[in-house]
């Protein structure tokens, strides 16, 4: 029998906090991390808001990163490194007693963050700061891990893909422990102007906390977020051997390509539906077992409409009984980090029996009529949950998590 794959460590850095507990407390309280942009002067941009990580992060990172290494990392690479260090600490792994050739690092990375807002880039460090693989490399170097160490770029689904690939490595017997996740920041003038030109971003700048409103009638685009999410995936055998705390089981996943359009999802959510169907089949989970869906839920016209249609297509009448919520309503769209951060939120929902809300759902779209857990978190015991990620280029991913049963 293939190994069960379990999650034995997690951490989040986002606009809602620099650690897992602070993030979770703020998420279930329905707080927004969206503010006016401080990383550059956005006064001439159509979009002047983003869900930025606290300015205190740089000082916080100094506790974890040596000065020389820090000078070769971008701010977002530091987020990845610090988030991974804290995840490993939480999981209580001692790599010195592990077979390091069977410990891997797989991250979802869209860019290294060496943009116009990055400070202190020089001729000597520009190459290191620009290497997208540097995020996984620094983590592997820190713990002298000798298993595979690489990154995958599938736009907004990148770190969901990384989780799936890590799952496969353990199921196939190639690794015992895989550090997976992602980090991203595109809070810079050039990328905000680029997304504005595609009419993808919200331009409702005041108040910023109200701008990200997935599934609402008056939604007008997504809000950029930034941060990092990291998980420790481990074979059940390895986790039990070291008496690790197990947070959840990954029951399975699916990744697909729509082959349709570089930006728009397949009409009526057909590609999204096919991905969810395939994930359930791969996980050997029936539709009747699904208790919650953490939606991709970007707050754009097409994504929210088509994801709703896709859920109805997959679950039929039962779709109306499944709570669905979007964490992006609070932390914005963290791009390459989104799949990992939202996977962690999904696992926390399973562990704690609390569903995070979709905030700012004050004007529901009558066409989008599912239970989107509006505005307030909800206590509810759940045993199986999905986490969806759908990226530009037709990159789709659905992860299936199950409450762990020894």
Foldseek 3Di string as FASTA:
>chain_A
DFFFKFFQFKFWFWLQHLTRVSNLVCLQALAFQKAFDDLDPCVVPLAGIFNEGDPCVVVVLPVPDDPVVVLLAWPQLSLLQVRLVRRCVSFVDDCVPPPLQQEEEEEEFAWLPPDPSTPNDDPVRVVSSGDRQNSQVVNCVVNVRNHYTGYDYPKQCGQVVRVQVVSVCRRVPNHFKYKTFYWFDPPDDVVSNVCVVVQAAFSCVVPRLLQQFFQFPPQRHFHHITGMMIIMMGGPVVCVVVVGDTLWTFLFKFKDFPPPAQAAEDPLLPLVLVRVVVRCVSSVHDLVQAAEEAELRGSHDRRRRSNLSSLCVNNPPCQQRHAYEYSCSRRIRRIRRNSRVSVVLVSVCQRQQKARARESRPHHDPSRDHRHRYHHMDRHHHFKYKYWTARRRRITMIIIIGHDDD
